[in-house]
N, C-alpha and C. Protein backbone atom coordinates (compact mmCIF):
# COMPACT_ATOMS: atom_id res chain seq x y z
N PRO A 1 -8.06 -1.38 22.09
CA PRO A 1 -6.77 -1.92 21.47
C PRO A 1 -6.33 -1.07 20.41
N GLN A 2 -5.03 -0.87 20.37
CA GLN A 2 -4.43 0.00 19.36
C GLN A 2 -4.27 -0.81 17.99
N THR A 3 -4.51 -0.05 16.91
CA THR A 3 -4.38 -0.66 15.60
C THR A 3 -2.93 -0.72 15.18
N SER A 4 -2.43 -1.84 14.64
CA SER A 4 -1.10 -1.88 14.18
C SER A 4 -0.94 -1.75 12.69
N ALA A 5 -2.02 -1.95 11.92
CA ALA A 5 -2.00 -1.79 10.45
C ALA A 5 -3.36 -1.40 9.89
N PHE A 6 -3.36 -0.67 8.83
CA PHE A 6 -4.52 -0.45 7.98
C PHE A 6 -4.33 -1.27 6.75
N GLN A 7 -5.26 -1.91 6.31
CA GLN A 7 -5.19 -2.69 5.03
C GLN A 7 -6.34 -2.11 4.22
N VAL A 8 -5.96 -1.30 3.20
CA VAL A 8 -6.94 -0.59 2.42
C VAL A 8 -6.79 -0.63 0.92
N PRO A 9 -7.85 -0.46 0.15
CA PRO A 9 -7.70 -0.31 -1.30
C PRO A 9 -7.31 1.13 -1.57
N GLU A 10 -6.90 1.40 -2.86
CA GLU A 10 -6.59 2.75 -3.24
C GLU A 10 -7.83 3.63 -3.19
N TYR A 11 -8.91 3.05 -3.69
CA TYR A 11 -10.22 3.70 -3.74
C TYR A 11 -11.28 2.92 -3.00
N SER A 12 -12.22 3.57 -2.37
CA SER A 12 -13.39 3.01 -1.80
C SER A 12 -14.56 3.78 -2.48
N GLY A 13 -15.15 3.16 -3.49
CA GLY A 13 -16.17 3.83 -4.30
C GLY A 13 -15.46 5.02 -5.01
N ASN A 14 -15.97 6.23 -4.83
CA ASN A 14 -15.33 7.39 -5.49
C ASN A 14 -14.34 8.10 -4.57
N ILE A 15 -14.14 7.57 -3.43
CA ILE A 15 -13.20 8.18 -2.43
C ILE A 15 -11.78 7.66 -2.59
N HIS A 16 -10.85 8.56 -2.84
CA HIS A 16 -9.42 8.27 -2.93
C HIS A 16 -8.90 8.06 -1.49
N VAL A 17 -8.80 6.83 -1.02
CA VAL A 17 -8.37 6.52 0.30
C VAL A 17 -6.88 6.59 0.49
N LEU A 18 -6.20 6.03 -0.35
CA LEU A 18 -4.72 5.82 -0.15
C LEU A 18 -3.94 6.93 -0.76
N THR A 19 -3.65 7.97 0.03
CA THR A 19 -2.91 9.13 -0.40
C THR A 19 -1.63 9.21 0.40
N GLY A 20 -0.70 10.14 -0.07
CA GLY A 20 0.48 10.29 0.73
C GLY A 20 0.12 10.81 2.06
N ARG A 21 -0.91 11.72 2.22
CA ARG A 21 -1.27 12.25 3.47
C ARG A 21 -1.76 11.19 4.44
N PHE A 22 -2.52 10.26 3.84
CA PHE A 22 -3.04 9.14 4.69
C PHE A 22 -1.93 8.34 5.20
N ILE A 23 -0.94 7.98 4.36
CA ILE A 23 0.17 7.15 4.75
C ILE A 23 1.00 7.82 5.76
N ARG A 24 1.28 9.17 5.58
CA ARG A 24 2.13 9.94 6.56
C ARG A 24 1.39 9.96 7.91
N GLY A 25 0.10 10.15 7.91
CA GLY A 25 -0.69 10.22 9.12
C GLY A 25 -0.67 8.95 9.89
N ALA A 26 -0.82 7.81 9.16
CA ALA A 26 -0.68 6.47 9.74
C ALA A 26 0.65 6.26 10.43
N HIS A 27 1.68 6.63 9.63
CA HIS A 27 3.00 6.36 10.11
C HIS A 27 3.41 7.25 11.33
N GLN A 28 2.79 8.48 11.43
CA GLN A 28 2.96 9.31 12.58
C GLN A 28 2.46 8.63 13.83
N HIS A 29 1.51 7.76 13.71
CA HIS A 29 0.89 7.01 14.76
C HIS A 29 1.42 5.59 14.90
N ASN A 30 2.52 5.30 14.19
CA ASN A 30 3.17 4.02 14.17
C ASN A 30 2.23 2.91 13.68
N ILE A 31 1.41 3.24 12.67
CA ILE A 31 0.50 2.34 12.09
C ILE A 31 0.98 1.99 10.66
N ALA A 32 1.20 0.76 10.35
CA ALA A 32 1.66 0.33 9.02
C ALA A 32 0.40 0.39 8.01
N VAL A 33 0.82 0.62 6.78
CA VAL A 33 -0.24 0.71 5.74
C VAL A 33 0.08 -0.34 4.65
N HIS A 34 -0.98 -1.17 4.48
CA HIS A 34 -0.94 -2.23 3.42
C HIS A 34 -2.04 -1.92 2.41
N VAL A 35 -1.62 -2.04 1.07
CA VAL A 35 -2.65 -1.73 0.07
C VAL A 35 -3.00 -3.00 -0.63
N TRP A 36 -4.17 -3.15 -1.06
CA TRP A 36 -4.72 -4.25 -1.83
C TRP A 36 -5.61 -3.94 -2.95
N THR A 37 -5.87 -4.65 -3.84
CA THR A 37 -5.13 -5.75 -4.49
C THR A 37 -4.47 -5.11 -5.66
N VAL A 38 -3.12 -5.06 -5.68
CA VAL A 38 -2.34 -4.36 -6.65
C VAL A 38 -1.62 -5.47 -7.44
N ASN A 39 -1.92 -5.48 -8.82
CA ASN A 39 -1.37 -6.53 -9.70
C ASN A 39 -0.51 -5.92 -10.85
N GLU A 40 -0.47 -4.60 -11.07
CA GLU A 40 0.30 -4.03 -12.13
C GLU A 40 1.52 -3.49 -11.49
N THR A 41 2.66 -3.78 -12.23
CA THR A 41 3.96 -3.37 -11.75
C THR A 41 4.11 -1.83 -11.54
N GLU A 42 3.55 -1.04 -12.42
CA GLU A 42 3.61 0.44 -12.36
C GLU A 42 2.84 0.87 -11.02
N GLU A 43 1.79 0.24 -10.72
CA GLU A 43 1.07 0.64 -9.47
C GLU A 43 1.85 0.25 -8.28
N MET A 44 2.41 -0.93 -8.33
CA MET A 44 3.26 -1.39 -7.23
C MET A 44 4.40 -0.43 -6.93
N GLN A 45 5.05 0.04 -7.98
CA GLN A 45 6.15 0.99 -7.85
C GLN A 45 5.67 2.28 -7.22
N ARG A 46 4.47 2.75 -7.71
CA ARG A 46 3.96 4.01 -7.21
C ARG A 46 3.66 3.94 -5.77
N PHE A 47 3.06 2.78 -5.31
CA PHE A 47 2.77 2.61 -3.83
C PHE A 47 4.09 2.48 -3.01
N ILE A 48 5.03 1.77 -3.54
CA ILE A 48 6.39 1.72 -2.85
C ILE A 48 6.89 3.12 -2.66
N ASP A 49 6.82 3.95 -3.77
CA ASP A 49 7.27 5.38 -3.69
C ASP A 49 6.51 6.18 -2.71
N LEU A 50 5.25 5.85 -2.54
CA LEU A 50 4.44 6.58 -1.52
C LEU A 50 4.73 6.21 -0.13
N GLY A 51 5.36 5.02 0.07
CA GLY A 51 5.82 4.58 1.35
C GLY A 51 4.96 3.51 2.08
N VAL A 52 4.16 2.81 1.22
CA VAL A 52 3.35 1.75 1.88
C VAL A 52 4.24 0.74 2.53
N ASP A 53 3.76 0.00 3.51
CA ASP A 53 4.47 -1.01 4.22
C ASP A 53 4.34 -2.37 3.70
N GLY A 54 3.25 -2.59 2.91
CA GLY A 54 2.91 -3.88 2.35
C GLY A 54 2.05 -3.76 1.18
N ILE A 55 2.21 -4.72 0.22
CA ILE A 55 1.39 -4.75 -0.93
C ILE A 55 0.79 -6.17 -1.03
N ILE A 56 -0.51 -6.18 -1.05
CA ILE A 56 -1.31 -7.47 -1.27
C ILE A 56 -1.52 -7.63 -2.76
N THR A 57 -1.15 -8.73 -3.35
CA THR A 57 -1.26 -8.84 -4.82
C THR A 57 -1.56 -10.33 -5.12
N ASP A 58 -2.17 -10.44 -6.33
CA ASP A 58 -2.38 -11.80 -6.91
C ASP A 58 -1.13 -12.17 -7.76
N ARG A 59 -0.19 -11.17 -7.93
CA ARG A 59 1.01 -11.44 -8.74
C ARG A 59 2.31 -11.21 -7.98
N PRO A 60 2.57 -12.05 -6.99
CA PRO A 60 3.81 -11.89 -6.20
C PRO A 60 5.09 -11.99 -7.13
N ASP A 61 4.97 -12.68 -8.18
CA ASP A 61 6.12 -12.82 -9.15
C ASP A 61 6.55 -11.35 -9.59
N ARG A 62 5.55 -10.58 -9.98
CA ARG A 62 5.80 -9.24 -10.46
C ARG A 62 6.41 -8.38 -9.36
N LEU A 63 5.90 -8.51 -8.16
CA LEU A 63 6.39 -7.71 -7.07
C LEU A 63 7.83 -8.13 -6.69
N LEU A 64 8.11 -9.37 -6.66
CA LEU A 64 9.44 -9.88 -6.42
C LEU A 64 10.49 -9.42 -7.48
N ASP A 65 10.01 -9.47 -8.69
CA ASP A 65 10.92 -8.92 -9.81
C ASP A 65 11.17 -7.50 -9.58
N LEU A 66 10.15 -6.67 -9.22
CA LEU A 66 10.34 -5.26 -8.99
C LEU A 66 11.31 -4.97 -7.86
N LEU A 67 11.24 -5.85 -6.81
CA LEU A 67 12.09 -5.70 -5.64
C LEU A 67 13.47 -6.34 -5.83
N GLY A 68 13.68 -6.94 -7.00
CA GLY A 68 15.00 -7.52 -7.34
C GLY A 68 15.26 -8.82 -6.57
N ARG A 69 14.21 -9.53 -6.20
CA ARG A 69 14.41 -10.79 -5.53
C ARG A 69 13.99 -11.95 -6.40
């Protein structure tokens, strides 16, 4: 079965998983990228700028404010 989304943290141990290259590669294969768990507004903005498709957070109020909703 084909994967429709990756749900990943920014880091796994010392390995920087969530990079622009990772996101572009996933998108080239029509795979969405969701990052978790992001609770700081600055990090949310950085991941939006990188092109993630979803942000999993304990602070949806901050994300909604950032998105203007």
